[in-house]
Structure formats: structure tokens, C-alpha cells
PDB file of N, CA and C in Angstrom:
ATOM      1  N   UNK A   1      -7.893  30.012  -8.932  1.00  0.00           N
ATOM      2  CA  UNK A   1      -6.457  29.231  -8.540  1.00  0.00           C
ATOM      3  C   UNK A   1      -6.866  27.796  -9.389  1.00  0.00           C
ATOM      4  N   UNK A   2      -6.496  27.441  -9.795  1.00  0.00           N
ATOM      5  CA  UNK A   2      -6.075  26.215 -10.124  1.00  0.00           C
ATOM      6  C   UNK A   2      -5.884  24.796  -9.244  1.00  0.00           C
ATOM      7  N   UNK A   3      -7.365  24.216  -9.662  1.00  0.00           N
ATOM      8  CA  UNK A   3      -7.660  23.101  -8.685  1.00  0.00           C
ATOM      9  C   UNK A   3      -6.044  22.196  -8.976  1.00  0.00           C
ATOM     10  N   UNK A   4      -5.612  21.410  -8.622  1.00  0.00           N
ATOM     11  CA  UNK A   4      -4.923  19.466  -8.861  1.00  0.00           C
ATOM     12  C   UNK A   4      -6.051  18.626  -9.039  1.00  0.00           C
ATOM     13  N   UNK A   5      -5.119  17.642  -9.695  1.00  0.00           N
ATOM     14  CA  UNK A   5      -6.433  16.512 -10.308  1.00  0.00           C
ATOM     15  C   UNK A   5      -6.719  16.094  -9.336  1.00  0.00           C
ATOM     16  N   UNK A   6      -5.281  15.805  -8.080  1.00  0.00           N
ATOM     17  CA  UNK A   6      -5.688  14.973  -6.913  1.00  0.00           C
ATOM     18  C   UNK A   6      -5.519  15.584  -5.897  1.00  0.00           C
ATOM     19  N   UNK A   7      -6.460  15.664  -5.109  1.00  0.00           N
ATOM     20  CA  UNK A   7      -6.279  16.152  -3.401  1.00  0.00           C
ATOM     21  C   UNK A   7      -4.806  15.318  -2.756  1.00  0.00           C
ATOM     22  N   UNK A   8      -4.936  13.752  -3.096  1.00  0.00           N
ATOM     23  CA  UNK A   8      -4.199  13.037  -2.931  1.00  0.00           C
ATOM     24  C   UNK A   8      -3.240  12.278  -3.854  1.00  0.00           C
ATOM     25  N   UNK A   9      -1.927  12.309  -2.932  1.00  0.00           N
ATOM     26  CA  UNK A   9      -0.744  11.189  -4.812  1.00  0.00           C
ATOM     27  C   UNK A   9      -0.004  10.346  -3.987  1.00  0.00           C
ATOM     28  N   UNK A  10      -0.199  10.099  -2.592  1.00  0.00           N
ATOM     29  CA  UNK A  10       0.251   8.977  -2.513  1.00  0.00           C
ATOM     30  C   UNK A  10      -1.041   8.789  -0.653  1.00  0.00           C
ATOM     31  N   UNK A  11      -0.065   6.974  -1.099  1.00  0.00           N
ATOM     32  CA  UNK A  11      -0.931   7.149   0.746  1.00  0.00           C
ATOM     33  C   UNK A  11      -0.304   5.755   1.062  1.00  0.00           C
ATOM     34  N   UNK A  12      -0.515   5.354   2.252  1.00  0.00           N
ATOM     35  CA  UNK A  12       0.819   4.042   2.757  1.00  0.00           C
ATOM     36  C   UNK A  12      -1.004   3.105   3.685  1.00  0.00           C
ATOM     37  N   UNK A  13      -1.287   2.375   3.254  1.00  0.00           N
ATOM     38  CA  UNK A  13      -1.567   1.138   4.530  1.00  0.00           C
ATOM     39  C   UNK A  13      -0.681   0.531   5.954  1.00  0.00           C
ATOM     40  N   UNK A  14      -0.463   0.699   6.857  1.00  0.00           N
ATOM     41  CA  UNK A  14       0.485   0.076   7.485  1.00  0.00           C
ATOM     42  C   UNK A  14      -0.263  -1.414   7.566  1.00  0.00           C
ATOM     43  N   UNK A  15       1.012  -2.228   8.334  1.00  0.00           N
ATOM     44  CA  UNK A  15       0.241  -3.545   7.618  1.00  0.00           C
ATOM     45  C   UNK A  15       1.055  -4.505   8.909  1.00  0.00           C
ATOM     46  N   UNK A  16       0.329  -5.222   9.738  1.00  0.00           N
ATOM     47  CA  UNK A  16       0.850  -6.046  10.981  1.00  0.00           C
ATOM     48  C   UNK A  16       2.334  -7.174  10.265  1.00  0.00           C
ATOM     49  N   UNK A  17       1.277  -8.201   9.820  1.00  0.00           N
ATOM     50  CA  UNK A  17       1.615  -9.192   8.827  1.00  0.00           C
ATOM     51  C   UNK A  17       2.309  -9.146   7.174  1.00  0.00           C
ATOM     52  N   UNK A  18       3.201  -8.447   6.943  1.00  0.00           N
ATOM     53  CA  UNK A  18       4.047  -8.197   5.597  1.00  0.00           C
ATOM     54  C   UNK A  18       3.067  -9.150   4.284  1.00  0.00           C
ATOM     55  N   UNK A  19       3.834 -10.586   4.596  1.00  0.00           N
ATOM     56  CA  UNK A  19       3.317 -11.392   4.014  1.00  0.00           C
ATOM     57  C   UNK A  19       1.653 -11.950   3.830  1.00  0.00           C
ATOM     58  N   UNK A  20       0.962 -11.912   4.542  1.00  0.00           N
ATOM     59  CA  UNK A  20      -0.228 -12.153   4.510  1.00  0.00           C
ATOM     60  C   UNK A  20      -0.972 -11.146   4.129  1.00  0.00           C
ATOM     61  N   UNK A  21      -0.629  -9.659   4.369  1.00  0.00           N
ATOM     62  CA  UNK A  21      -1.222  -8.652   3.646  1.00  0.00           C
ATOM     63  C   UNK A  21      -1.109  -9.100   2.555  1.00  0.00           C
ATOM     64  N   UNK A  22       0.356  -8.673   2.200  1.00  0.00           N
ATOM     65  CA  UNK A  22       0.429  -9.166   0.120  1.00  0.00           C
ATOM     66  C   UNK A  22      -0.119  -9.437  -0.166  1.00  0.00           C
ATOM     67  N   UNK A  23      -0.172 -11.383   0.454  1.00  0.00           N
ATOM     68  CA  UNK A  23      -1.432 -12.323  -0.379  1.00  0.00           C
ATOM     69  C   UNK A  23      -2.583 -11.956  -0.614  1.00  0.00           C
ATOM     70  N   UNK A  24      -3.120 -10.888   0.228  1.00  0.00           N
ATOM     71  CA  UNK A  24      -4.116 -10.662   0.288  1.00  0.00           C
ATOM     72  C   UNK A  24      -4.264  -9.857  -0.993  1.00  0.00           C
ATOM     73  N   UNK A  25      -3.628  -8.497  -1.098  1.00  0.00           N
ATOM     74  CA  UNK A  25      -4.403  -7.418  -1.704  1.00  0.00           C
ATOM     75  C   UNK A  25      -3.691  -8.049  -3.058  1.00  0.00           C
ATOM     76  N   UNK A  26      -2.642  -9.365  -3.292  1.00  0.00           N
ATOM     77  CA  UNK A  26      -2.449  -9.499  -4.522  1.00  0.00           C
ATOM     78  C   UNK A  26      -3.586 -10.716  -5.616  1.00  0.00           C
ATOM     79  N   UNK A  27      -4.329 -11.159  -4.468  1.00  0.00           N
ATOM     80  CA  UNK A  27      -5.770 -11.975  -4.647  1.00  0.00           C
ATOM     81  C   UNK A  27      -6.481 -11.400  -4.901  1.00  0.00           C
ATOM     82  N   UNK A  28      -7.483 -10.020  -4.341  1.00  0.00           N
ATOM     83  CA  UNK A  28      -7.819  -9.223  -4.239  1.00  0.00           C
ATOM     84  C   UNK A  28      -7.748  -8.804  -6.103  1.00  0.00           C
ATOM     85  N   UNK A  29      -6.424  -7.524  -6.030  1.00  0.00           N
ATOM     86  CA  UNK A  29      -6.061  -7.520  -7.434  1.00  0.00           C
ATOM     87  C   UNK A  29      -5.819  -7.892  -8.327  1.00  0.00           C
ATOM     88  N   UNK A  30      -5.536  -8.737  -8.641  1.00  0.00           N
ATOM     89  CA  UNK A  30      -4.750  -9.960  -9.000  1.00  0.00           C
ATOM     90  C   UNK A  30      -3.554  -9.993 -10.225  1.00  0.00           C
ATOM     91  N   UNK A  31      -2.851  -9.391  -9.368  1.00  0.00           N
ATOM     92  CA  UNK A  31      -1.148  -8.630 -10.072  1.00  0.00           C
ATOM     93  C   UNK A  31      -0.255  -9.249  -8.633  1.00  0.00           C
ATOM     94  N   UNK A  32       1.229  -9.354  -9.662  1.00  0.00           N
ATOM     95  CA  UNK A  32       1.931  -9.160  -8.669  1.00  0.00           C
ATOM     96  C   UNK A  32       2.753  -8.688  -8.056  1.00  0.00           C
ATOM     97  N   UNK A  33       2.538  -8.278  -6.957  1.00  0.00           N
ATOM     98  CA  UNK A  33       2.435  -6.717  -6.064  1.00  0.00           C
ATOM     99  C   UNK A  33       3.776  -6.297  -5.745  1.00  0.00           C
ATOM    100  N   UNK A  34       5.086  -6.016  -6.491  1.00  0.00           N
ATOM    101  CA  UNK A  34       6.206  -5.633  -6.048  1.00  0.00           C
ATOM    102  C   UNK A  34       6.266  -5.037  -4.861  1.00  0.00           C
ATOM    103  N   UNK A  35       7.393  -5.763  -4.226  1.00  0.00           N
ATOM    104  CA  UNK A  35       7.920  -5.067  -3.253  1.00  0.00           C
ATOM    105  C   UNK A  35       9.291  -4.647  -2.914  1.00  0.00           C
ATOM    106  N   UNK A  36       9.245  -3.465  -2.287  1.00  0.00           N
ATOM    107  CA  UNK A  36      10.741  -3.321  -2.152  1.00  0.00           C
ATOM    108  C   UNK A  36      11.187  -2.267  -0.521  1.00  0.00           C
ATOM    109  N   UNK A  37      12.252  -1.878   0.001  1.00  0.00           N
ATOM    110  CA  UNK A  37      12.691  -1.633   1.331  1.00  0.00           C
ATOM    111  C   UNK A  37      12.710  -0.894   1.318  1.00  0.00           C
ATOM    112  N   UNK A  38      12.456   0.053   2.156  1.00  0.00           N
ATOM    113  CA  UNK A  38      12.790   1.470   1.851  1.00  0.00           C
ATOM    114  C   UNK A  38      12.992   2.176   4.039  1.00  0.00           C
ATOM    115  N   UNK A  39      14.639   1.815   3.416  1.00  0.00           N
ATOM    116  CA  UNK A  39      15.351   1.647   4.833  1.00  0.00           C
ATOM    117  C   UNK A  39      14.845   0.782   5.622  1.00  0.00           C
ATOM    118  N   UNK A  40      13.629   1.304   7.125  1.00  0.00           N
ATOM    119  CA  UNK A  40      14.437  -0.144   7.587  1.00  0.00           C
ATOM    120  C   UNK A  40      12.680  -0.985   7.251  1.00  0.00           C
ATOM    121  N   UNK A  41      11.646   0.119   6.269  1.00  0.00           N
ATOM    122  CA  UNK A  41      10.529  -0.475   6.302  1.00  0.00           C
ATOM    123  C   UNK A  41      10.026  -1.092   4.664  1.00  0.00           C
ATOM    124  N   UNK A  42       9.421  -2.753   5.250  1.00  0.00           N
ATOM    125  CA  UNK A  42       9.097  -3.193   3.689  1.00  0.00           C
ATOM    126  C   UNK A  42       8.072  -3.004   2.971  1.00  0.00           C
ATOM    127  N   UNK A  43       7.687  -2.321   1.660  1.00  0.00           N
ATOM    128  CA  UNK A  43       6.224  -1.556   0.995  1.00  0.00           C
ATOM    129  C   UNK A  43       7.128  -2.783  -0.185  1.00  0.00           C
ATOM    130  N   UNK A  44       4.975  -2.710   0.147  1.00  0.00           N
ATOM    131  CA  UNK A  44       4.037  -3.540  -1.195  1.00  0.00           C
ATOM    132  C   UNK A  44       3.394  -2.512  -1.796  1.00  0.00           C
ATOM    133  N   UNK A  45       3.908  -2.264  -3.680  1.00  0.00           N
ATOM    134  CA  UNK A  45       3.342  -1.041  -3.954  1.00  0.00           C
ATOM    135  C   UNK A  45       2.507  -1.693  -5.040  1.00  0.00           C
ATOM    136  N   UNK A  46       1.167  -0.699  -4.699  1.00  0.00           N
ATOM    137  CA  UNK A  46       0.250  -1.150  -5.463  1.00  0.00           C
ATOM    138  C   UNK A  46       0.267  -0.787  -6.823  1.00  0.00           C
ATOM    139  N   UNK A  47      -0.215  -0.949  -8.030  1.00  0.00           N
ATOM    140  CA  UNK A  47       0.040  -0.950  -9.206  1.00  0.00           C
ATOM    141  C   UNK A  47      -1.075   0.925  -9.466  1.00  0.00           C
ATOM    142  N   UNK A  48      -0.280   1.705 -10.186  1.00  0.00           N
ATOM    143  CA  UNK A  48      -1.022   2.855 -10.525  1.00  0.00           C
ATOM    144  C   UNK A  48       0.108   3.446 -11.623  1.00  0.00           C
ATOM    145  N   UNK A  49      -0.568   4.456 -12.509  1.00  0.00           N
ATOM    146  CA  UNK A  49      -0.513   5.228 -13.029  1.00  0.00           C
ATOM    147  C   UNK A  49       0.312   6.574 -12.912  1.00  0.00           C
ATOM    148  N   UNK A  50       1.916   6.210 -12.712  1.00  0.00           N
ATOM    149  CA  UNK A  50       3.172   6.742 -11.884  1.00  0.00           C
ATOM    150  C   UNK A  50       3.040   8.404 -12.444  1.00  0.00           C
ATOM    151  N   UNK A  51       2.563   9.730 -12.086  1.00  0.00           N
ATOM    152  CA  UNK A  51       2.784  10.243 -13.007  1.00  0.00           C
ATOM    153  C   UNK A  51       0.906  11.290 -12.741  1.00  0.00           C
ATOM    154  N   UNK A  52       0.375  10.743 -13.241  1.00  0.00           N
ATOM    155  CA  UNK A  52      -1.084  11.106 -13.294  1.00  0.00           C
ATOM    156  C   UNK A  52      -2.290  10.498 -12.311  1.00  0.00           C
ATOM    157  N   UNK A  53      -1.579   9.013 -11.589  1.00  0.00           N
ATOM    158  CA  UNK A  53      -2.552   8.664 -10.784  1.00  0.00           C
ATOM    159  C   UNK A  53      -2.680   8.827  -9.113  1.00  0.00           C
ATOM    160  N   UNK A  54      -3.308   8.649  -8.321  1.00  0.00           N
ATOM    161  CA  UNK A  54      -3.079   7.745  -7.463  1.00  0.00           C
ATOM    162  C   UNK A  54      -2.525   6.895  -6.784  1.00  0.00           C
ATOM    163  N   UNK A  55      -0.893   7.062  -6.110  1.00  0.00           N
ATOM    164  CA  UNK A  55      -0.370   5.592  -5.899  1.00  0.00           C
ATOM    165  C   UNK A  55      -0.125   5.275  -4.424  1.00  0.00           C
ATOM    166  N   UNK A  56      -0.128   4.088  -4.238  1.00  0.00           N
ATOM    167  CA  UNK A  56      -0.358   3.670  -2.339  1.00  0.00           C
ATOM    168  C   UNK A  56       0.591   2.284  -2.253  1.00  0.00           C
ATOM    169  N   UNK A  57       0.904   2.257  -1.043  1.00  0.00           N
ATOM    170  CA  UNK A  57       1.999   1.093  -0.847  1.00  0.00           C
ATOM    171  C   UNK A  57       0.987   0.397   0.427  1.00  0.00           C
ATOM    172  N   UNK A  58       1.183  -0.779   0.678  1.00  0.00           N
ATOM    173  CA  UNK A  58       1.463  -1.597   2.333  1.00  0.00           C
ATOM    174  C   UNK A  58       2.380  -1.475   3.088  1.00  0.00           C
ATOM    175  N   UNK A  59       2.597  -1.518   3.861  1.00  0.00           N
ATOM    176  CA  UNK A  59       3.669  -0.620   4.802  1.00  0.00           C
ATOM    177  C   UNK A  59       3.950  -1.878   5.829  1.00  0.00           C
ATOM    178  N   UNK A  60       5.503  -2.328   6.246  1.00  0.00           N
ATOM    179  CA  UNK A  60       5.699  -3.290   7.268  1.00  0.00           C
ATOM    180  C   UNK A  60       6.773  -2.357   8.286  1.00  0.00           C
ATOM    181  N   UNK A  61       5.745  -1.644   9.265  1.00  0.00           N
ATOM    182  CA  UNK A  61       7.454  -0.641   9.613  1.00  0.00           C
ATOM    183  C   UNK A  61       6.999  -0.544  11.355  1.00  0.00           C
ATOM    184  N   UNK A  62       8.453  -1.063  12.198  1.00  0.00           N
ATOM    185  CA  UNK A  62       8.284  -1.037  13.140  1.00  0.00           C
ATOM    186  C   UNK A  62       8.153   0.078  13.943  1.00  0.00           C
ATOM    187  N   UNK A  63       7.101  -0.419  14.955  1.00  0.00           N
ATOM    188  CA  UNK A  63       6.430   0.780  15.590  1.00  0.00           C
ATOM    189  C   UNK A  63       5.115   1.555  15.021  1.00  0.00           C
ATOM    190  N   UNK A  64       4.474   1.010  14.482  1.00  0.00           N
ATOM    191  CA  UNK A  64       2.881   1.223  13.744  1.00  0.00           C
ATOM    192  C   UNK A  64       2.318  -0.012  14.114  1.00  0.00           C
ATOM    193  N   UNK A  65       1.298   0.545  14.436  1.00  0.00           N
ATOM    194  CA  UNK A  65      -0.191  -0.882  15.278  1.00  0.00           C
ATOM    195  C   UNK A  65      -1.236  -0.257  14.597  1.00  0.00           C
ATOM    196  N   UNK A  66      -1.229  -0.625  13.102  1.00  0.00           N
ATOM    197  CA  UNK A  66      -2.470  -0.855  12.289  1.00  0.00           C
ATOM    198  C   UNK A  66      -3.766  -1.030  13.444  1.00  0.00           C
ATOM    199  N   UNK A  67      -4.371  -0.353  13.339  1.00  0.00           N
ATOM    200  CA  UNK A  67      -6.358  -0.767  14.551  1.00  0.00           C
ATOM    201  C   UNK A  67      -7.430  -0.909  13.218  1.00  0.00           C
ATOM    202  N   UNK A  68      -6.742  -0.988  11.789  1.00  0.00           N
ATOM    203  CA  UNK A  68      -8.270  -1.192  10.835  1.00  0.00           C
ATOM    204  C   UNK A  68      -7.399  -2.466   9.923  1.00  0.00           C
ATOM    205  N   UNK A  69      -8.355  -3.286   9.709  1.00  0.00           N
ATOM    206  CA  UNK A  69      -8.267  -4.323   8.988  1.00  0.00           C
ATOM    207  C   UNK A  69      -9.049  -4.294   7.899  1.00  0.00           C
ATOM    208  N   UNK A  70      -8.842  -4.827   6.871  1.00  0.00           N
ATOM    209  CA  UNK A  70      -9.834  -5.170   5.817  1.00  0.00           C
ATOM    210  C   UNK A  70     -10.382  -6.735   5.650  1.00  0.00           C
ATOM    211  N   UNK A  71     -11.735  -6.708   5.705  1.00  0.00           N
ATOM    212  CA  UNK A  71     -11.969  -7.862   6.688  1.00  0.00           C
ATOM    213  C   UNK A  71     -12.218  -9.371   5.814  1.00  0.00           C
ATOM    214  N   UNK A  72     -11.432  -8.855   4.568  1.00  0.00           N
ATOM    215  CA  UNK A  72     -11.601  -9.827   3.440  1.00  0.00           C
ATOM    216  C   UNK A  72     -10.039 -10.710   3.513  1.00  0.00           C
ATOM    217  N   UNK A  73      -9.277 -10.084   4.164  1.00  0.00           N
ATOM    218  CA  UNK A  73      -7.622  -9.965   4.735  1.00  0.00           C
ATOM    219  C   UNK A  73      -7.764 -10.613   5.921  1.00  0.00           C
ATOM    220  N   UNK A  74      -7.835 -11.574   6.288  1.00  0.00           N
ATOM    221  CA  UNK A  74      -7.994 -12.152   7.346  1.00  0.00           C
ATOM    222  C   UNK A  74      -6.481 -13.654   7.489  1.00  0.00           C
TER     223      UNK A  74
END
């Protein structure tokens, strides 16, 4: 059996305050985070190589209760 390059291809980080989290991650990674709406969810896309890398996003969605927050994103 051939192993795939990445076991994970997409991840999402739930956030309570989208605007604050977006500002924080933009400062950490030094880029303008693209934002998009997926149904009722507001998403900030973390830059990645589409098709060959692992991608992810911060997501503000109703009903989520993030229990972890990066210490530097206060």
C-alpha cells in the first residue's frame, strides 16, 4: 500500500472573536489573511500550497466553543 504524502489535508481552528483572531494570525504570519463566508461560517484562510500541502483556516461558527486559545492571541 502506498502512503499518502500528508495524513491530514485540512484543519480548522475554531475562534470566538473572528476579528481579533484574524488580526493575531496576520501579525504572526505577516500576511493579509483572505476571508470568506461558507454558509453561516466566517473563515480566514491560512496560506498553503493547494494540491500538495496541508491547508487550514480559522473559523467562527455558531455553536462552537473553543477551549484552547494561543497565548499570543489575547
